[in-house]
Amino acid sequence: MSAHDGPVIRTEELTKVFSPGTRREVVALDSVTMEVGRGEVFGLIGPNGAGKTTLIRLLVGLLRPTRGRAWVLGKDVVTEIEDIRPRVALLPQEAGIYERLTARENLVYYGGMYGIDEDELYRRADTLLEIVGLSDRADEQVKRFSGGMKRKVLVARALIIEPEVIFLDEPTTGVDTIGARIVRNLLRRLSSEDDLTIVLTTHDMVEVSELCHRVGILNEGRLVAIGRPSELEEKYRAADLEEVFMGLVTGEGVYGGEA
């Protein structure tokens, strides 16, 4: 991580309230303040409805904050979002894929929307398909692929624009053990060699421990803990990160100081 570059992502009291002032008001994100550095793999974990996806949507401009501010690559996510979008990629959990296109065509079509030269697109597509282990299926329609294979195509598609920041919502959902390891190894390499900043949500504590430099734990919209997995385990006197997580979320089993 290049600390001298300053944070790539920064939030100050970032808050999102749905249906504010009504009986249906829901505080999805509550006063979240955090930073993520360049080249860092940052994990967001929390139970369903904790605010993980809401936070990502705020950072890529799909939602506007109710209160607070956020910056990505030094740009304000509300007033300068058009400067941010070409430099970041998002892989939602329920990302769509063009079933009738081949694996290579999916990548090239997506990259073409960003104005990348066609020859360069094909070069990048072939490289990424080789990395995720799909070179031999590059010219097959993805409707024939398993769920895990489609997920690998989607990860490769998100990377074809060579983003500076990538947001991944459950990147290995539906991917078998070998495929998940391929995806993790790819993300680890991009973080260390290309200074790619990665923010991912996951329920897989092994994935967090293997991949993430730091982790933020969200519960009921609030950031209840942040730090390196080993730091959190030590702070809360826990055997592993899962014990930290369960203790903070359920209120049982955490013996250290408060976050």
Protein backbone atom coordinates (compact mmCIF):
# COMPACT_ATOMS: atom_id res chain seq x y z
CA MET A 1 0.00 0.00 0.00
CA SER A 2 1.31 3.41 -0.96
CA ALA A 3 0.54 5.38 2.15
CA HIS A 4 2.03 8.57 0.73
CA ASP A 5 -0.74 8.68 -1.87
CA GLY A 6 -3.33 9.22 0.84
CA PRO A 7 -6.55 7.22 1.12
CA VAL A 8 -8.17 6.03 -2.09
CA ILE A 9 -11.52 5.82 -0.30
CA ARG A 10 -12.57 8.05 2.56
CA THR A 11 -15.92 8.51 4.29
CA GLU A 12 -16.97 10.95 6.99
CA GLU A 13 -20.13 10.24 8.98
CA LEU A 14 -21.64 8.64 5.87
CA THR A 15 -25.33 7.99 6.45
CA LYS A 16 -28.17 6.65 4.32
CA VAL A 17 -31.78 6.78 5.50
CA PHE A 18 -34.56 5.37 3.34
CA SER A 19 -38.00 7.03 3.59
CA PRO A 20 -36.74 9.63 6.10
CA GLY A 21 -39.33 11.26 8.33
CA THR A 22 -41.97 8.60 7.67
CA ARG A 23 -43.22 5.61 9.62
CA ARG A 24 -41.26 3.42 7.19
CA GLU A 25 -37.92 5.14 7.88
CA VAL A 26 -34.97 2.76 7.71
CA VAL A 27 -31.42 3.75 8.68
CA ALA A 28 -29.41 1.55 6.30
CA LEU A 29 -26.04 3.17 7.07
CA ASP A 30 -25.31 5.16 10.19
CA SER A 31 -22.39 7.63 10.48
CA VAL A 32 -19.68 5.45 8.92
CA THR A 33 -16.19 6.97 8.96
CA MET A 34 -13.33 4.96 7.41
CA GLU A 35 -10.38 5.03 5.00
CA VAL A 36 -9.00 2.52 2.49
CA GLY A 37 -5.48 2.86 1.09
CA ARG A 38 -4.13 2.26 -2.41
CA GLY A 39 -3.46 -1.40 -3.14
CA GLU A 40 -5.38 -2.51 -0.06
CA VAL A 41 -7.83 -5.42 -0.02
CA PHE A 42 -10.55 -4.31 2.37
CA GLY A 43 -13.26 -6.70 3.48
CA LEU A 44 -16.74 -5.67 4.56
CA ILE A 45 -18.49 -8.27 6.66
CA GLY A 46 -21.77 -8.26 8.49
CA PRO A 47 -25.11 -10.04 8.65
CA ASN A 48 -27.66 -9.58 5.88
CA GLY A 49 -29.09 -6.07 6.06
CA ALA A 50 -26.07 -4.67 7.91
CA GLY A 51 -25.43 -1.99 5.27
CA LYS A 52 -22.60 -3.52 3.22
CA THR A 53 -24.27 -3.22 -0.18
CA THR A 54 -25.66 0.21 0.69
CA LEU A 55 -22.13 1.44 1.46
CA ILE A 56 -20.82 0.16 -1.87
CA ARG A 57 -23.72 1.73 -3.77
CA LEU A 58 -23.02 5.07 -2.13
CA LEU A 59 -19.33 4.87 -3.08
CA VAL A 60 -20.07 4.21 -6.77
CA GLY A 61 -22.81 6.82 -7.04
CA LEU A 62 -25.83 4.53 -7.31
CA LEU A 63 -27.25 6.09 -4.14
CA ARG A 64 -26.90 9.57 -2.67
CA PRO A 65 -26.07 9.93 1.02
CA THR A 66 -28.61 11.39 3.41
CA ARG A 67 -25.82 12.89 5.50
CA GLY A 68 -22.04 12.83 5.55
CA ARG A 69 -19.58 12.74 2.66
CA ALA A 70 -17.40 10.28 0.78
CA TRP A 71 -14.49 10.51 -1.64
CA VAL A 72 -13.12 7.93 -4.06
CA LEU A 73 -9.77 8.65 -5.73
CA GLY A 74 -9.91 12.12 -4.20
CA LYS A 75 -13.25 12.91 -5.86
CA ASP A 76 -16.55 13.60 -4.11
CA VAL A 77 -19.02 10.77 -4.81
CA VAL A 78 -21.91 13.23 -5.23
CA THR A 79 -20.48 16.22 -7.06
CA GLU A 80 -17.67 14.50 -9.02
CA ILE A 81 -19.11 11.05 -9.71
CA GLU A 82 -18.57 11.36 -13.48
CA ASP A 83 -14.83 11.63 -12.82
CA ILE A 84 -14.95 8.50 -10.65
CA ARG A 85 -16.97 6.10 -12.80
CA PRO A 86 -14.42 5.44 -15.60
CA ARG A 87 -11.80 4.55 -12.96
CA VAL A 88 -13.78 2.08 -10.85
CA ALA A 89 -15.51 -1.24 -11.46
CA LEU A 90 -18.43 -2.84 -9.65
CA LEU A 91 -19.39 -6.50 -9.55
CA PRO A 92 -22.78 -6.74 -7.80
CA GLN A 93 -23.86 -10.01 -6.21
CA GLU A 94 -26.70 -10.34 -8.73
CA ALA A 95 -24.74 -9.13 -11.76
CA GLY A 96 -26.31 -9.93 -15.11
CA ILE A 97 -24.50 -11.65 -17.96
CA TYR A 98 -25.32 -11.85 -21.66
CA GLU A 99 -26.20 -15.51 -22.04
CA ARG A 100 -26.09 -15.55 -25.85
CA LEU A 101 -22.64 -13.98 -26.08
CA THR A 102 -19.46 -15.97 -25.69
CA ALA A 103 -17.18 -15.47 -22.71
CA ARG A 104 -14.82 -13.34 -24.80
CA GLU A 105 -17.68 -11.33 -26.33
CA ASN A 106 -19.04 -10.53 -22.85
CA LEU A 107 -15.70 -8.99 -21.88
CA VAL A 108 -15.18 -7.13 -25.16
CA TYR A 109 -18.73 -5.74 -25.24
CA TYR A 110 -18.45 -4.41 -21.69
CA GLY A 111 -15.02 -2.87 -22.28
CA GLY A 112 -16.21 -1.30 -25.51
CA MET A 113 -18.67 0.84 -23.58
CA TYR A 114 -15.64 2.55 -22.02
CA GLY A 115 -14.15 3.45 -25.40
CA ILE A 116 -11.18 1.07 -25.17
CA ASP A 117 -9.49 0.22 -28.48
CA GLU A 118 -10.78 -3.07 -29.92
CA ASP A 119 -7.38 -4.70 -30.39
CA GLU A 120 -6.47 -3.82 -26.82
CA LEU A 121 -9.80 -5.20 -25.61
CA TYR A 122 -9.20 -8.58 -27.25
CA ARG A 123 -5.70 -8.72 -25.78
CA ARG A 124 -7.00 -7.97 -22.29
CA ALA A 125 -9.91 -10.40 -22.69
CA ASP A 126 -7.65 -13.29 -23.70
CA THR A 127 -5.28 -12.56 -20.82
CA LEU A 128 -8.07 -12.44 -18.24
CA LEU A 129 -9.80 -15.56 -19.55
CA GLU A 130 -6.52 -17.43 -19.32
CA ILE A 131 -6.00 -16.22 -15.75
CA VAL A 132 -9.45 -17.40 -14.61
CA GLY A 133 -9.04 -20.73 -16.40
CA LEU A 134 -11.55 -20.24 -19.21
CA SER A 135 -9.30 -19.94 -22.28
CA ASP A 136 -10.57 -23.23 -23.70
CA ARG A 137 -14.19 -22.04 -23.35
CA ALA A 138 -13.65 -18.47 -24.59
CA ASP A 139 -15.75 -18.93 -27.75
CA GLU A 140 -18.67 -20.75 -26.14
CA GLN A 141 -21.94 -19.04 -25.30
CA VAL A 142 -22.05 -18.50 -21.56
CA LYS A 143 -25.57 -19.94 -21.34
CA ARG A 144 -23.81 -23.33 -21.36
CA PHE A 145 -21.65 -22.42 -18.36
CA SER A 146 -22.15 -23.44 -14.76
CA GLY A 147 -22.93 -20.77 -12.18
CA GLY A 148 -19.32 -20.78 -11.00
CA MET A 149 -17.97 -20.37 -14.53
CA LYS A 150 -20.32 -17.45 -15.16
CA ARG A 151 -19.05 -15.83 -11.96
CA LYS A 152 -15.47 -16.09 -13.20
CA VAL A 153 -16.50 -14.42 -16.48
CA LEU A 154 -18.10 -11.60 -14.46
CA VAL A 155 -14.95 -11.09 -12.38
CA ALA A 156 -12.88 -10.94 -15.57
CA ARG A 157 -15.41 -8.55 -17.14
CA ALA A 158 -15.14 -6.16 -14.20
CA LEU A 159 -11.35 -6.15 -14.55
CA ILE A 160 -11.16 -5.54 -18.31
CA ILE A 161 -11.29 -1.75 -17.93
CA GLU A 162 -8.20 -2.01 -15.68
CA PRO A 163 -9.87 -0.08 -12.86
CA GLU A 164 -7.99 1.62 -10.05
CA VAL A 165 -10.65 0.50 -7.56
CA ILE A 166 -12.94 -2.51 -7.76
CA PHE A 167 -15.97 -3.20 -5.59
CA LEU A 168 -16.94 -6.87 -5.36
CA ASP A 169 -20.18 -7.98 -3.70
CA GLU A 170 -19.71 -11.67 -2.78
CA PRO A 171 -17.19 -12.32 -5.61
CA THR A 172 -16.98 -16.11 -5.14
CA THR A 173 -20.70 -16.81 -4.73
CA GLY A 174 -21.52 -20.08 -6.49
CA VAL A 175 -17.89 -20.73 -7.43
CA ASP A 176 -16.41 -24.13 -6.54
CA THR A 177 -13.40 -24.44 -4.24
CA ILE A 178 -10.82 -24.45 -7.05
CA GLY A 179 -12.50 -21.57 -8.87
CA ALA A 180 -12.73 -19.53 -5.67
CA ARG A 181 -9.01 -20.00 -5.07
CA ILE A 182 -8.26 -18.87 -8.65
CA VAL A 183 -10.32 -15.71 -8.11
CA ARG A 184 -8.64 -15.02 -4.74
CA ASN A 185 -5.17 -15.52 -6.19
CA LEU A 186 -6.00 -13.16 -9.05
CA LEU A 187 -7.23 -10.46 -6.67
CA ARG A 188 -4.21 -10.89 -4.40
CA ARG A 189 -1.86 -10.52 -7.37
CA LEU A 190 -3.64 -7.43 -8.72
CA SER A 191 -3.49 -5.82 -5.29
CA SER A 192 0.23 -6.47 -4.79
CA GLU A 193 1.52 -6.00 -8.35
CA ASP A 194 -0.84 -3.42 -9.86
CA ASP A 195 -1.79 -1.44 -6.72
CA LEU A 196 -5.45 -2.25 -7.39
CA THR A 197 -7.63 -1.24 -4.45
CA ILE A 198 -10.24 -3.90 -3.71
CA VAL A 199 -13.32 -3.60 -1.53
CA LEU A 200 -15.26 -6.83 -1.15
CA THR A 201 -18.18 -8.13 0.82
CA THR A 202 -18.24 -11.78 1.81
CA HIS A 203 -19.66 -14.21 4.35
CA ASP A 204 -16.61 -16.45 3.95
CA MET A 205 -14.28 -15.88 6.91
CA VAL A 206 -11.56 -17.99 5.29
CA GLU A 207 -11.69 -15.67 2.28
CA VAL A 208 -11.34 -12.65 4.57
CA SER A 209 -8.42 -14.15 6.49
CA GLU A 210 -6.59 -15.21 3.32
CA LEU A 211 -7.20 -12.14 1.22
CA CYS A 212 -7.96 -9.01 3.23
CA HIS A 213 -5.36 -6.64 4.69
CA ARG A 214 -8.06 -5.11 6.87
CA VAL A 215 -11.71 -5.73 7.58
CA GLY A 216 -14.65 -3.59 8.65
CA ILE A 217 -17.52 -5.22 10.54
CA LEU A 218 -20.93 -3.65 9.99
CA ASN A 219 -23.96 -4.33 12.15
CA GLU A 220 -27.31 -2.55 11.86
CA GLY A 221 -25.72 0.11 9.67
CA ARG A 222 -22.89 0.96 12.05
CA LEU A 223 -19.19 0.23 11.68
CA VAL A 224 -18.59 -1.64 14.94
CA ALA A 225 -14.96 -2.68 14.33
CA ILE A 226 -12.17 -2.07 11.83
CA GLY A 227 -8.61 -3.36 11.59
CA ARG A 228 -6.38 -6.22 10.49
CA PRO A 229 -7.89 -9.65 11.23
CA SER A 230 -5.03 -10.46 13.62
CA GLU A 231 -5.50 -7.12 15.41
CA LEU A 232 -9.19 -7.76 15.93
CA GLU A 233 -8.56 -11.29 17.17
CA GLU A 234 -6.05 -9.94 19.70
CA LYS A 235 -8.21 -7.00 20.74
CA TYR A 236 -11.25 -9.14 21.42
CA ARG A 237 -9.25 -12.12 22.74
CA ALA A 238 -10.80 -14.35 20.10
CA ALA A 239 -9.50 -17.57 18.55
CA ASP A 240 -10.32 -16.38 15.04
CA LEU A 241 -12.16 -13.70 13.07
CA GLU A 242 -15.40 -15.65 13.06
CA GLU A 243 -15.45 -15.52 16.86
CA VAL A 244 -14.87 -11.75 16.73
CA PHE A 245 -17.68 -11.38 14.20
CA MET A 246 -20.17 -13.50 16.11
CA GLY A 247 -19.36 -11.77 19.37
CA LEU A 248 -19.85 -8.27 17.97
CA VAL A 249 -23.00 -9.13 16.05
CA THR A 250 -24.73 -11.24 18.70
CA GLY A 251 -23.18 -9.62 21.77
CA GLU A 252 -21.81 -12.94 22.98
CA GLY A 253 -18.22 -14.03 23.33
CA VAL A 254 -16.35 -10.72 22.95
CA TYR A 255 -14.12 -9.96 25.91
CA GLY A 256 -11.85 -7.17 24.72
CA GLY A 257 -12.39 -3.43 24.57
CA GLU A 258 -15.03 -1.72 22.53
CA ALA A 259 -14.40 -0.73 18.89
